[in-house]
Amino acid sequence: RLADLCEKNRIAFIGPKSDILAKMGDKI
């Protein structure tokens, strides 16, 4: 959510992109 909001507001998120967070945040 935070990474998405950063991307929508053209603010850099100091971490992976939101799609990577989604993939790896779900441990399954």
mmCIF file of all heavy atoms, coordinates in Angstrom:
data_MODEL
# 
_entry.id   MODEL 
# 
loop_
_atom_site.group_PDB 
_atom_site.id 
_atom_site.type_symbol 
_atom_site.label_atom_id 
_atom_site.label_alt_id 
_atom_site.label_comp_id 
_atom_site.label_asym_id 
_atom_site.label_entity_id 
_atom_site.label_seq_id 
_atom_site.pdbx_PDB_ins_code 
_atom_site.Cartn_x 
_atom_site.Cartn_y 
_atom_site.Cartn_z 
_atom_site.occupancy 
_atom_site.B_iso_or_equiv 
_atom_site.pdbx_formal_charge 
_atom_site.auth_seq_id 
_atom_site.auth_comp_id 
_atom_site.auth_asym_id 
_atom_site.auth_atom_id 
_atom_site.pdbx_PDB_model_num 
ATOM 1   N N   . ARG A 1 1  ? 0.831  -1.208  0.000   1.00 0.00 ? 1  ARG A N   1 
ATOM 2   C CA  . ARG A 1 1  ? 0.000  0.000   0.000   1.00 0.00 ? 1  ARG A CA  1 
ATOM 3   C C   . ARG A 1 1  ? 0.869  1.263   0.000   1.00 0.00 ? 1  ARG A C   1 
ATOM 4   O O   . ARG A 1 1  ? 0.646  2.175   -0.795  1.00 0.00 ? 1  ARG A O   1 
ATOM 5   C CB  . ARG A 1 1  ? -0.921 -0.005  1.225   1.00 0.00 ? 1  ARG A CB  1 
ATOM 6   C CG  . ARG A 1 1  ? -1.782 1.249   1.411   1.00 0.00 ? 1  ARG A CG  1 
ATOM 7   C CD  . ARG A 1 1  ? -2.733 1.443   0.266   1.00 0.00 ? 1  ARG A CD  1 
ATOM 8   N NE  . ARG A 1 1  ? -3.592 2.593   0.477   1.00 0.00 ? 1  ARG A NE  1 
ATOM 9   C CZ  . ARG A 1 1  ? -4.249 3.214   -0.493  1.00 0.00 ? 1  ARG A CZ  1 
ATOM 10  N NH1 . ARG A 1 1  ? -4.141 2.787   -1.743  1.00 0.00 ? 1  ARG A NH1 1 
ATOM 11  N NH2 . ARG A 1 1  ? -5.011 4.242   -0.232  1.00 0.00 ? 1  ARG A NH2 1 
ATOM 12  N N   . LEU A 1 2  ? 1.841  1.326   0.907   1.00 0.00 ? 2  LEU A N   1 
ATOM 13  C CA  . LEU A 1 2  ? 2.715  2.498   0.956   1.00 0.00 ? 2  LEU A CA  1 
ATOM 14  C C   . LEU A 1 2  ? 3.526  2.624   -0.328  1.00 0.00 ? 2  LEU A C   1 
ATOM 15  O O   . LEU A 1 2  ? 3.669  3.719   -0.883  1.00 0.00 ? 2  LEU A O   1 
ATOM 16  C CB  . LEU A 1 2  ? 3.642  2.431   2.162   1.00 0.00 ? 2  LEU A CB  1 
ATOM 17  C CG  . LEU A 1 2  ? 4.605  3.618   2.325   1.00 0.00 ? 2  LEU A CG  1 
ATOM 18  C CD1 . LEU A 1 2  ? 3.848  4.938   2.437   1.00 0.00 ? 2  LEU A CD1 1 
ATOM 19  C CD2 . LEU A 1 2  ? 5.513  3.416   3.543   1.00 0.00 ? 2  LEU A CD2 1 
ATOM 20  N N   . ALA A 1 3  ? 4.060  1.509   -0.810  1.00 0.00 ? 3  ALA A N   1 
ATOM 21  C CA  . ALA A 1 3  ? 4.847  1.551   -2.050  1.00 0.00 ? 3  ALA A CA  1 
ATOM 22  C C   . ALA A 1 3  ? 3.994  2.004   -3.229  1.00 0.00 ? 3  ALA A C   1 
ATOM 23  O O   . ALA A 1 3  ? 4.445  2.795   -4.073  1.00 0.00 ? 3  ALA A O   1 
ATOM 24  C CB  . ALA A 1 3  ? 5.455  0.178   -2.329  1.00 0.00 ? 3  ALA A CB  1 
ATOM 25  N N   . ASP A 1 4  ? 2.741  1.536   -3.301  1.00 0.00 ? 4  ASP A N   1 
ATOM 26  C CA  . ASP A 1 4  ? 1.821  1.962   -4.358  1.00 0.00 ? 4  ASP A CA  1 
ATOM 27  C C   . ASP A 1 4  ? 1.549  3.459   -4.292  1.00 0.00 ? 4  ASP A C   1 
ATOM 28  O O   . ASP A 1 4  ? 1.564  4.157   -5.309  1.00 0.00 ? 4  ASP A O   1 
ATOM 29  C CB  . ASP A 1 4  ? 0.491  1.207   -4.248  1.00 0.00 ? 4  ASP A CB  1 
ATOM 30  C CG  . ASP A 1 4  ? 0.549  -0.181  -4.859  1.00 0.00 ? 4  ASP A CG  1 
ATOM 31  O OD1 . ASP A 1 4  ? 1.380  -0.400  -5.758  1.00 0.00 ? 4  ASP A OD1 1 
ATOM 32  O OD2 . ASP A 1 4  ? -0.236 -1.045  -4.438  1.00 0.00 ? 4  ASP A OD2 1 
ATOM 33  N N   . LEU A 1 5  ? 1.289  3.950   -3.080  1.00 0.00 ? 5  LEU A N   1 
ATOM 34  C CA  . LEU A 1 5  ? 1.021  5.374   -2.907  1.00 0.00 ? 5  LEU A CA  1 
ATOM 35  C C   . LEU A 1 5  ? 2.230  6.219   -3.286  1.00 0.00 ? 5  LEU A C   1 
ATOM 36  O O   . LEU A 1 5  ? 2.089  7.304   -3.866  1.00 0.00 ? 5  LEU A O   1 
ATOM 37  C CB  . LEU A 1 5  ? 0.603  5.662   -1.467  1.00 0.00 ? 5  LEU A CB  1 
ATOM 38  C CG  . LEU A 1 5  ? -0.801 5.203   -1.061  1.00 0.00 ? 5  LEU A CG  1 
ATOM 39  C CD1 . LEU A 1 5  ? -1.007 5.372   0.442   1.00 0.00 ? 5  LEU A CD1 1 
ATOM 40  C CD2 . LEU A 1 5  ? -1.865 5.993   -1.833  1.00 0.00 ? 5  LEU A CD2 1 
ATOM 41  N N   . CYS A 1 6  ? 3.416  5.717   -2.959  1.00 0.00 ? 6  CYS A N   1 
ATOM 42  C CA  . CYS A 1 6  ? 4.636  6.421   -3.363  1.00 0.00 ? 6  CYS A CA  1 
ATOM 43  C C   . CYS A 1 6  ? 4.721  6.520   -4.885  1.00 0.00 ? 6  CYS A C   1 
ATOM 44  O O   . CYS A 1 6  ? 4.990  7.593   -5.448  1.00 0.00 ? 6  CYS A O   1 
ATOM 45  C CB  . CYS A 1 6  ? 5.865  5.711   -2.818  1.00 0.00 ? 6  CYS A CB  1 
ATOM 46  S SG  . CYS A 1 6  ? 6.168  5.964   -1.064  1.00 0.00 ? 6  CYS A SG  1 
ATOM 47  N N   . GLU A 1 7  ? 4.477  5.406   -5.552  1.00 0.00 ? 7  GLU A N   1 
ATOM 48  C CA  . GLU A 1 7  ? 4.561  5.381   -7.007  1.00 0.00 ? 7  GLU A CA  1 
ATOM 49  C C   . GLU A 1 7  ? 3.528  6.310   -7.637  1.00 0.00 ? 7  GLU A C   1 
ATOM 50  O O   . GLU A 1 7  ? 3.821  7.039   -8.593  1.00 0.00 ? 7  GLU A O   1 
ATOM 51  C CB  . GLU A 1 7  ? 4.394  3.944   -7.509  1.00 0.00 ? 7  GLU A CB  1 
ATOM 52  C CG  . GLU A 1 7  ? 5.588  3.060   -7.166  1.00 0.00 ? 7  GLU A CG  1 
ATOM 53  C CD  . GLU A 1 7  ? 5.317  1.575   -7.335  1.00 0.00 ? 7  GLU A CD  1 
ATOM 54  O OE1 . GLU A 1 7  ? 4.312  1.221   -7.991  1.00 0.00 ? 7  GLU A OE1 1 
ATOM 55  O OE2 . GLU A 1 7  ? 6.101  0.758   -6.812  1.00 0.00 ? 7  GLU A OE2 1 
ATOM 56  N N   . LYS A 1 8  ? 2.304  6.316   -7.097  1.00 0.00 ? 8  LYS A N   1 
ATOM 57  C CA  . LYS A 1 8  ? 1.245  7.173   -7.642  1.00 0.00 ? 8  LYS A CA  1 
ATOM 58  C C   . LYS A 1 8  ? 1.555  8.651   -7.452  1.00 0.00 ? 8  LYS A C   1 
ATOM 59  O O   . LYS A 1 8  ? 1.140  9.486   -8.251  1.00 0.00 ? 8  LYS A O   1 
ATOM 60  C CB  . LYS A 1 8  ? -0.090 6.820   -6.980  1.00 0.00 ? 8  LYS A CB  1 
ATOM 61  C CG  . LYS A 1 8  ? -0.662 5.485   -7.424  1.00 0.00 ? 8  LYS A CG  1 
ATOM 62  C CD  . LYS A 1 8  ? -1.917 5.134   -6.653  1.00 0.00 ? 8  LYS A CD  1 
ATOM 63  C CE  . LYS A 1 8  ? -2.445 3.758   -7.073  1.00 0.00 ? 8  LYS A CE  1 
ATOM 64  N NZ  . LYS A 1 8  ? -3.624 3.357   -6.251  1.00 0.00 ? 8  LYS A NZ  1 
ATOM 65  N N   . ASN A 1 9  ? 2.263  8.982   -6.379  1.00 0.00 ? 9  ASN A N   1 
ATOM 66  C CA  . ASN A 1 9  ? 2.573  10.377  -6.077  1.00 0.00 ? 9  ASN A CA  1 
ATOM 67  C C   . ASN A 1 9  ? 3.992  10.771  -6.486  1.00 0.00 ? 9  ASN A C   1 
ATOM 68  O O   . ASN A 1 9  ? 4.471  11.830  -6.098  1.00 0.00 ? 9  ASN A O   1 
ATOM 69  C CB  . ASN A 1 9  ? 2.357  10.638  -4.584  1.00 0.00 ? 9  ASN A CB  1 
ATOM 70  C CG  . ASN A 1 9  ? 0.900  10.654  -4.195  1.00 0.00 ? 9  ASN A CG  1 
ATOM 71  O OD1 . ASN A 1 9  ? 0.217  11.669  -4.384  1.00 0.00 ? 9  ASN A OD1 1 
ATOM 72  N ND2 . ASN A 1 9  ? 0.405  9.544   -3.668  1.00 0.00 ? 9  ASN A ND2 1 
ATOM 73  N N   . ARG A 1 10 ? 4.650  9.906   -7.251  1.00 0.00 ? 10 ARG A N   1 
ATOM 74  C CA  . ARG A 1 10 ? 5.991  10.167  -7.770  1.00 0.00 ? 10 ARG A CA  1 
ATOM 75  C C   . ARG A 1 10 ? 6.990  10.452  -6.651  1.00 0.00 ? 10 ARG A C   1 
ATOM 76  O O   . ARG A 1 10 ? 7.836  11.351  -6.755  1.00 0.00 ? 10 ARG A O   1 
ATOM 77  C CB  . ARG A 1 10 ? 5.958  11.305  -8.798  1.00 0.00 ? 10 ARG A CB  1 
ATOM 78  C CG  . ARG A 1 10 ? 5.124  10.974  -10.016 1.00 0.00 ? 10 ARG A CG  1 
ATOM 79  C CD  . ARG A 1 10 ? 5.170  12.082  -11.043 1.00 0.00 ? 10 ARG A CD  1 
ATOM 80  N NE  . ARG A 1 10 ? 4.374  11.730  -12.224 1.00 0.00 ? 10 ARG A NE  1 
ATOM 81  C CZ  . ARG A 1 10 ? 4.229  12.513  -13.293 1.00 0.00 ? 10 ARG A CZ  1 
ATOM 82  N NH1 . ARG A 1 10 ? 4.854  13.693  -13.332 1.00 0.00 ? 10 ARG A NH1 1 
ATOM 83  N NH2 . ARG A 1 10 ? 3.492  12.142  -14.304 1.00 0.00 ? 10 ARG A NH2 1 
ATOM 84  N N   . ILE A 1 11 ? 6.862  9.671   -5.598  1.00 0.00 ? 11 ILE A N   1 
ATOM 85  C CA  . ILE A 1 11 ? 7.801  9.714   -4.482  1.00 0.00 ? 11 ILE A CA  1 
ATOM 86  C C   . ILE A 1 11 ? 8.546  8.388   -4.472  1.00 0.00 ? 11 ILE A C   1 
ATOM 87  O O   . ILE A 1 11 ? 7.932  7.328   -4.552  1.00 0.00 ? 11 ILE A O   1 
ATOM 88  C CB  . ILE A 1 11 ? 7.062  9.919   -3.143  1.00 0.00 ? 11 ILE A CB  1 
ATOM 89  C CG1 . ILE A 1 11 ? 6.346  11.274  -3.129  1.00 0.00 ? 11 ILE A CG1 1 
ATOM 90  C CG2 . ILE A 1 11 ? 8.035  9.827   -1.970  1.00 0.00 ? 11 ILE A CG2 1 
ATOM 91  C CD1 . ILE A 1 11 ? 5.419  11.450  -1.947  1.00 0.00 ? 11 ILE A CD1 1 
ATOM 92  N N   . ALA A 1 12 ? 9.849  8.431   -4.402  1.00 0.00 ? 12 ALA A N   1 
ATOM 93  C CA  . ALA A 1 12 ? 10.625 7.184   -4.409  1.00 0.00 ? 12 ALA A CA  1 
ATOM 94  C C   . ALA A 1 12 ? 10.422 6.428   -3.099  1.00 0.00 ? 12 ALA A C   1 
ATOM 95  O O   . ALA A 1 12 ? 10.486 7.019   -2.017  1.00 0.00 ? 12 ALA A O   1 
ATOM 96  C CB  . ALA A 1 12 ? 12.099 7.485   -4.621  1.00 0.00 ? 12 ALA A CB  1 
ATOM 97  N N   . PHE A 1 13 ? 10.174 5.139   -3.190  1.00 0.00 ? 13 PHE A N   1 
ATOM 98  C CA  . PHE A 1 13 ? 10.109 4.256   -2.030  1.00 0.00 ? 13 PHE A CA  1 
ATOM 99  C C   . PHE A 1 13 ? 11.471 3.605   -1.900  1.00 0.00 ? 13 PHE A C   1 
ATOM 100 O O   . PHE A 1 13 ? 11.934 2.928   -2.820  1.00 0.00 ? 13 PHE A O   1 
ATOM 101 C CB  . PHE A 1 13 ? 9.018  3.203   -2.224  1.00 0.00 ? 13 PHE A CB  1 
ATOM 102 C CG  . PHE A 1 13 ? 8.862  2.248   -1.071  1.00 0.00 ? 13 PHE A CG  1 
ATOM 103 C CD1 . PHE A 1 13 ? 8.169  2.619   0.072   1.00 0.00 ? 13 PHE A CD1 1 
ATOM 104 C CD2 . PHE A 1 13 ? 9.403  0.968   -1.137  1.00 0.00 ? 13 PHE A CD2 1 
ATOM 105 C CE1 . PHE A 1 13 ? 8.017  1.732   1.135   1.00 0.00 ? 13 PHE A CE1 1 
ATOM 106 C CE2 . PHE A 1 13 ? 9.260  0.079   -0.082  1.00 0.00 ? 13 PHE A CE2 1 
ATOM 107 C CZ  . PHE A 1 13 ? 8.560  0.467   1.053   1.00 0.00 ? 13 PHE A CZ  1 
ATOM 108 N N   . ILE A 1 14 ? 12.139 3.814   -0.777  1.00 0.00 ? 14 ILE A N   1 
ATOM 109 C CA  . ILE A 1 14 ? 13.501 3.291   -0.608  1.00 0.00 ? 14 ILE A CA  1 
ATOM 110 C C   . ILE A 1 14 ? 13.397 1.833   -0.178  1.00 0.00 ? 14 ILE A C   1 
ATOM 111 O O   . ILE A 1 14 ? 13.428 1.468   0.990   1.00 0.00 ? 14 ILE A O   1 
ATOM 112 C CB  . ILE A 1 14 ? 14.301 4.149   0.385   1.00 0.00 ? 14 ILE A CB  1 
ATOM 113 C CG1 . ILE A 1 14 ? 14.378 5.586   -0.145  1.00 0.00 ? 14 ILE A CG1 1 
ATOM 114 C CG2 . ILE A 1 14 ? 15.720 3.581   0.565   1.00 0.00 ? 14 ILE A CG2 1 
ATOM 115 C CD1 . ILE A 1 14 ? 15.074 6.554   0.768   1.00 0.00 ? 14 ILE A CD1 1 
ATOM 116 N N   . GLY A 1 15 ? 13.236 1.005   -1.199  1.00 0.00 ? 15 GLY A N   1 
ATOM 117 C CA  . GLY A 1 15 ? 13.025 -0.423  -1.031  1.00 0.00 ? 15 GLY A CA  1 
ATOM 118 C C   . GLY A 1 15 ? 12.606 -1.000  -2.367  1.00 0.00 ? 15 GLY A C   1 
ATOM 119 O O   . GLY A 1 15 ? 12.683 -0.309  -3.395  1.00 0.00 ? 15 GLY A O   1 
ATOM 120 N N   . PRO A 1 16 ? 12.143 -2.235  -2.400  1.00 0.00 ? 16 PRO A N   1 
ATOM 121 C CA  . PRO A 1 16 ? 11.716 -2.848  -3.658  1.00 0.00 ? 16 PRO A CA  1 
ATOM 122 C C   . PRO A 1 16 ? 10.445 -2.206  -4.218  1.00 0.00 ? 16 PRO A C   1 
ATOM 123 O O   . PRO A 1 16 ? 9.723  -1.504  -3.509  1.00 0.00 ? 16 PRO A O   1 
ATOM 124 C CB  . PRO A 1 16 ? 11.444 -4.312  -3.260  1.00 0.00 ? 16 PRO A CB  1 
ATOM 125 C CG  . PRO A 1 16 ? 12.076 -4.483  -1.938  1.00 0.00 ? 16 PRO A CG  1 
ATOM 126 C CD  . PRO A 1 16 ? 12.064 -3.155  -1.269  1.00 0.00 ? 16 PRO A CD  1 
ATOM 127 N N   . LYS A 1 17 ? 10.172 -2.478  -5.484  1.00 0.00 ? 17 LYS A N   1 
ATOM 128 C CA  . LYS A 1 17 ? 8.934  -2.032  -6.106  1.00 0.00 ? 17 LYS A CA  1 
ATOM 129 C C   . LYS A 1 17 ? 7.739  -2.775  -5.497  1.00 0.00 ? 17 LYS A C   1 
ATOM 130 O O   . LYS A 1 17 ? 7.889  -3.845  -4.918  1.00 0.00 ? 17 LYS A O   1 
ATOM 131 C CB  . LYS A 1 17 ? 8.968  -2.261  -7.620  1.00 0.00 ? 17 LYS A CB  1 
ATOM 132 C CG  . LYS A 1 17 ? 10.124 -1.560  -8.327  1.00 0.00 ? 17 LYS A CG  1 
ATOM 133 C CD  . LYS A 1 17 ? 10.033 -0.046  -8.192  1.00 0.00 ? 17 LYS A CD  1 
ATOM 134 C CE  . LYS A 1 17 ? 11.142 0.648   -8.979  1.00 0.00 ? 17 LYS A CE  1 
ATOM 135 N NZ  . LYS A 1 17 ? 11.139 2.118   -8.774  1.00 0.00 ? 17 LYS A NZ  1 
ATOM 136 N N   . SER A 1 18 ? 6.560  -2.198  -5.656  1.00 0.00 ? 18 SER A N   1 
ATOM 137 C CA  . SER A 1 18 ? 5.362  -2.759  -5.015  1.00 0.00 ? 18 SER A CA  1 
ATOM 138 C C   . SER A 1 18 ? 5.047  -4.178  -5.489  1.00 0.00 ? 18 SER A C   1 
ATOM 139 O O   . SER A 1 18 ? 4.556  -5.005  -4.716  1.00 0.00 ? 18 SER A O   1 
ATOM 140 C CB  . SER A 1 18 ? 4.154  -1.853  -5.251  1.00 0.00 ? 18 SER A CB  1 
ATOM 141 O OG  . SER A 1 18 ? 3.895  -1.690  -6.634  1.00 0.00 ? 18 SER A OG  1 
ATOM 142 N N   . ASP A 1 19 ? 5.327  -4.491  -6.772  1.00 0.00 ? 19 ASP A N   1 
ATOM 143 C CA  . ASP A 1 19 ? 5.026  -5.843  -7.251  1.00 0.00 ? 19 ASP A CA  1 
ATOM 144 C C   . ASP A 1 19 ? 5.934  -6.880  -6.596  1.00 0.00 ? 19 ASP A C   1 
ATOM 145 O O   . ASP A 1 19 ? 5.501  -8.011  -6.317  1.00 0.00 ? 19 ASP A O   1 
ATOM 146 C CB  . ASP A 1 19 ? 5.138  -5.924  -8.771  1.00 0.00 ? 19 ASP A CB  1 
ATOM 147 C CG  . ASP A 1 19 ? 6.541  -5.617  -9.291  1.00 0.00 ? 19 ASP A CG  1 
ATOM 148 O OD1 . ASP A 1 19 ? 7.246  -4.793  -8.664  1.00 0.00 ? 19 ASP A OD1 1 
ATOM 149 O OD2 . ASP A 1 19 ? 6.940  -6.207  -10.313 1.00 0.00 ? 19 ASP A OD2 1 
ATOM 150 N N   . ILE A 1 20 ? 7.185  -6.493  -6.304  1.00 0.00 ? 20 ILE A N   1 
ATOM 151 C CA  . ILE A 1 20 ? 8.092  -7.411  -5.605  1.00 0.00 ? 20 ILE A CA  1 
ATOM 152 C C   . ILE A 1 20 ? 7.634  -7.598  -4.159  1.00 0.00 ? 20 ILE A C   1 
ATOM 153 O O   . ILE A 1 20 ? 7.629  -8.718  -3.633  1.00 0.00 ? 20 ILE A O   1 
ATOM 154 C CB  . ILE A 1 20 ? 9.540  -6.881  -5.643  1.00 0.00 ? 20 ILE A CB  1 
ATOM 155 C CG1 . ILE A 1 20 ? 10.022 -6.748  -7.083  1.00 0.00 ? 20 ILE A CG1 1 
ATOM 156 C CG2 . ILE A 1 20 ? 10.478 -7.802  -4.852  1.00 0.00 ? 20 ILE A CG2 1 
ATOM 157 C CD1 . ILE A 1 20 ? 11.369 -6.079  -7.223  1.00 0.00 ? 20 ILE A CD1 1 
ATOM 158 N N   . LEU A 1 21 ? 7.224  -6.505  -3.524  1.00 0.00 ? 21 LEU A N   1 
ATOM 159 C CA  . LEU A 1 21 ? 6.701  -6.604  -2.158  1.00 0.00 ? 21 LEU A CA  1 
ATOM 160 C C   . LEU A 1 21 ? 5.507  -7.539  -2.099  1.00 0.00 ? 21 LEU A C   1 
ATOM 161 O O   . LEU A 1 21 ? 5.370  -8.331  -1.166  1.00 0.00 ? 21 LEU A O   1 
ATOM 162 C CB  . LEU A 1 21 ? 6.307  -5.214  -1.658  1.00 0.00 ? 21 LEU A CB  1 
ATOM 163 C CG  . LEU A 1 21 ? 7.443  -4.238  -1.342  1.00 0.00 ? 21 LEU A CG  1 
ATOM 164 C CD1 . LEU A 1 21 ? 6.896  -2.838  -1.149  1.00 0.00 ? 21 LEU A CD1 1 
ATOM 165 C CD2 . LEU A 1 21 ? 8.189  -4.683  -0.089  1.00 0.00 ? 21 LEU A CD2 1 
ATOM 166 N N   . ALA A 1 22 ? 4.622  -7.453  -3.092  1.00 0.00 ? 22 ALA A N   1 
ATOM 167 C CA  . ALA A 1 22 ? 3.433  -8.302  -3.122  1.00 0.00 ? 22 ALA A CA  1 
ATOM 168 C C   . ALA A 1 22 ? 3.816  -9.773  -3.268  1.00 0.00 ? 22 ALA A C   1 
ATOM 169 O O   . ALA A 1 22 ? 3.277  -10.648 -2.578  1.00 0.00 ? 22 ALA A O   1 
ATOM 170 C CB  . ALA A 1 22 ? 2.509  -7.878  -4.254  1.00 0.00 ? 22 ALA A CB  1 
ATOM 171 N N   . LYS A 1 23 ? 4.760  -10.053 -4.162  1.00 0.00 ? 23 LYS A N   1 
ATOM 172 C CA  . LYS A 1 23 ? 5.168  -11.443 -4.396  1.00 0.00 ? 23 LYS A CA  1 
ATOM 173 C C   . LYS A 1 23 ? 5.834  -12.054 -3.158  1.00 0.00 ? 23 LYS A C   1 
ATOM 174 O O   . LYS A 1 23 ? 5.528  -13.168 -2.758  1.00 0.00 ? 23 LYS A O   1 
ATOM 175 C CB  . LYS A 1 23 ? 6.141  -11.513 -5.570  1.00 0.00 ? 23 LYS A CB  1 
ATOM 176 C CG  . LYS A 1 23 ? 5.536  -11.250 -6.922  1.00 0.00 ? 23 LYS A CG  1 
ATOM 177 C CD  . LYS A 1 23 ? 6.625  -11.227 -7.995  1.00 0.00 ? 23 LYS A CD  1 
ATOM 178 C CE  . LYS A 1 23 ? 6.084  -10.868 -9.348  1.00 0.00 ? 23 LYS A CE  1 
ATOM 179 N NZ  . LYS A 1 23 ? 7.163  -10.750 -10.371 1.00 0.00 ? 23 LYS A NZ  1 
ATOM 180 N N   . MET A 1 24 ? 6.761  -11.305 -2.565  1.00 0.00 ? 24 MET A N   1 
ATOM 181 C CA  . MET A 1 24 ? 7.548  -11.862 -1.481  1.00 0.00 ? 24 MET A CA  1 
ATOM 182 C C   . MET A 1 24 ? 6.876  -11.691 -0.113  1.00 0.00 ? 24 MET A C   1 
ATOM 183 O O   . MET A 1 24 ? 7.229  -12.365 0.847   1.00 0.00 ? 24 MET A O   1 
ATOM 184 C CB  . MET A 1 24 ? 8.938  -11.234 -1.465  1.00 0.00 ? 24 MET A CB  1 
ATOM 185 C CG  . MET A 1 24 ? 9.691  -11.399 -2.781  1.00 0.00 ? 24 MET A CG  1 
ATOM 186 S SD  . MET A 1 24 ? 9.653  -13.080 -3.437  1.00 0.00 ? 24 MET A SD  1 
ATOM 187 C CE  . MET A 1 24 ? 10.656 -13.927 -2.230  1.00 0.00 ? 24 MET A CE  1 
ATOM 188 N N   . GLY A 1 25 ? 5.926  -10.766 -0.007  1.00 0.00 ? 25 GLY A N   1 
ATOM 189 C CA  . GLY A 1 25 ? 5.209  -10.603 1.251   1.00 0.00 ? 25 GLY A CA  1 
ATOM 190 C C   . GLY A 1 25 ? 4.278  -11.751 1.535   1.00 0.00 ? 25 GLY A C   1 
ATOM 191 O O   . GLY A 1 25 ? 3.944  -12.034 2.692   1.00 0.00 ? 25 GLY A O   1 
ATOM 192 N N   . ASP A 1 26 ? 3.821  -12.415 0.485   1.00 0.00 ? 26 ASP A N   1 
ATOM 193 C CA  . ASP A 1 26 ? 3.007  -13.618 0.620   1.00 0.00 ? 26 ASP A CA  1 
ATOM 194 C C   . ASP A 1 26 ? 3.975  -14.807 0.637   1.00 0.00 ? 26 ASP A C   1 
ATOM 195 O O   . ASP A 1 26 ? 4.541  -15.172 -0.381  1.00 0.00 ? 26 ASP A O   1 
ATOM 196 C CB  . ASP A 1 26 ? 2.039  -13.720 -0.560  1.00 0.00 ? 26 ASP A CB  1 
ATOM 197 C CG  . ASP A 1 26 ? 1.131  -14.944 -0.496  1.00 0.00 ? 26 ASP A CG  1 
ATOM 198 O OD1 . ASP A 1 26 ? 1.498  -15.941 0.166   1.00 0.00 ? 26 ASP A OD1 1 
ATOM 199 O OD2 . ASP A 1 26 ? 0.063  -14.910 -1.120  1.00 0.00 ? 26 ASP A OD2 1 
ATOM 200 N N   . LYS A 1 27 ? 4.160  -15.396 1.813   1.00 0.00 ? 27 LYS A N   1 
ATOM 201 C CA  . LYS A 1 27 ? 5.186  -16.428 1.960   1.00 0.00 ? 27 LYS A CA  1 
ATOM 202 C C   . LYS A 1 27 ? 4.876  -17.674 1.131   1.00 0.00 ? 27 LYS A C   1 
ATOM 203 O O   . LYS A 1 27 ? 5.787  -18.403 0.730   1.00 0.00 ? 27 LYS A O   1 
ATOM 204 C CB  . LYS A 1 27 ? 5.360  -16.777 3.437   1.00 0.00 ? 27 LYS A CB  1 
ATOM 205 C CG  . LYS A 1 27 ? 5.985  -15.651 4.250   1.00 0.00 ? 27 LYS A CG  1 
ATOM 206 C CD  . LYS A 1 27 ? 6.244  -16.075 5.674   1.00 0.00 ? 27 LYS A CD  1 
ATOM 207 C CE  . LYS A 1 27 ? 7.016  -15.009 6.436   1.00 0.00 ? 27 LYS A CE  1 
ATOM 208 N NZ  . LYS A 1 27 ? 6.260  -13.759 6.574   1.00 0.00 ? 27 LYS A NZ  1 
ATOM 209 N N   . ILE A 1 28 ? 3.594  -17.931 0.887   1.00 0.00 ? 28 ILE A N   1 
ATOM 210 C CA  . ILE A 1 28 ? 3.234  -19.070 0.044   1.00 0.00 ? 28 ILE A CA  1 
ATOM 211 C C   . ILE A 1 28 ? 3.648  -18.789 -1.397  1.00 0.00 ? 28 ILE A C   1 
ATOM 212 O O   . ILE A 1 28 ? 4.241  -19.652 -2.071  1.00 0.00 ? 28 ILE A O   1 
ATOM 213 C CB  . ILE A 1 28 ? 1.724  -19.366 0.135   1.00 0.00 ? 28 ILE A CB  1 
ATOM 214 C CG1 . ILE A 1 28 ? 1.357  -19.767 1.569   1.00 0.00 ? 28 ILE A CG1 1 
ATOM 215 C CG2 . ILE A 1 28 ? 1.332  -20.468 -0.849  1.00 0.00 ? 28 ILE A CG2 1 
ATOM 216 C CD1 . ILE A 1 28 ? -0.124 -19.897 1.821   1.00 0.00 ? 28 ILE A CD1 1 
# 
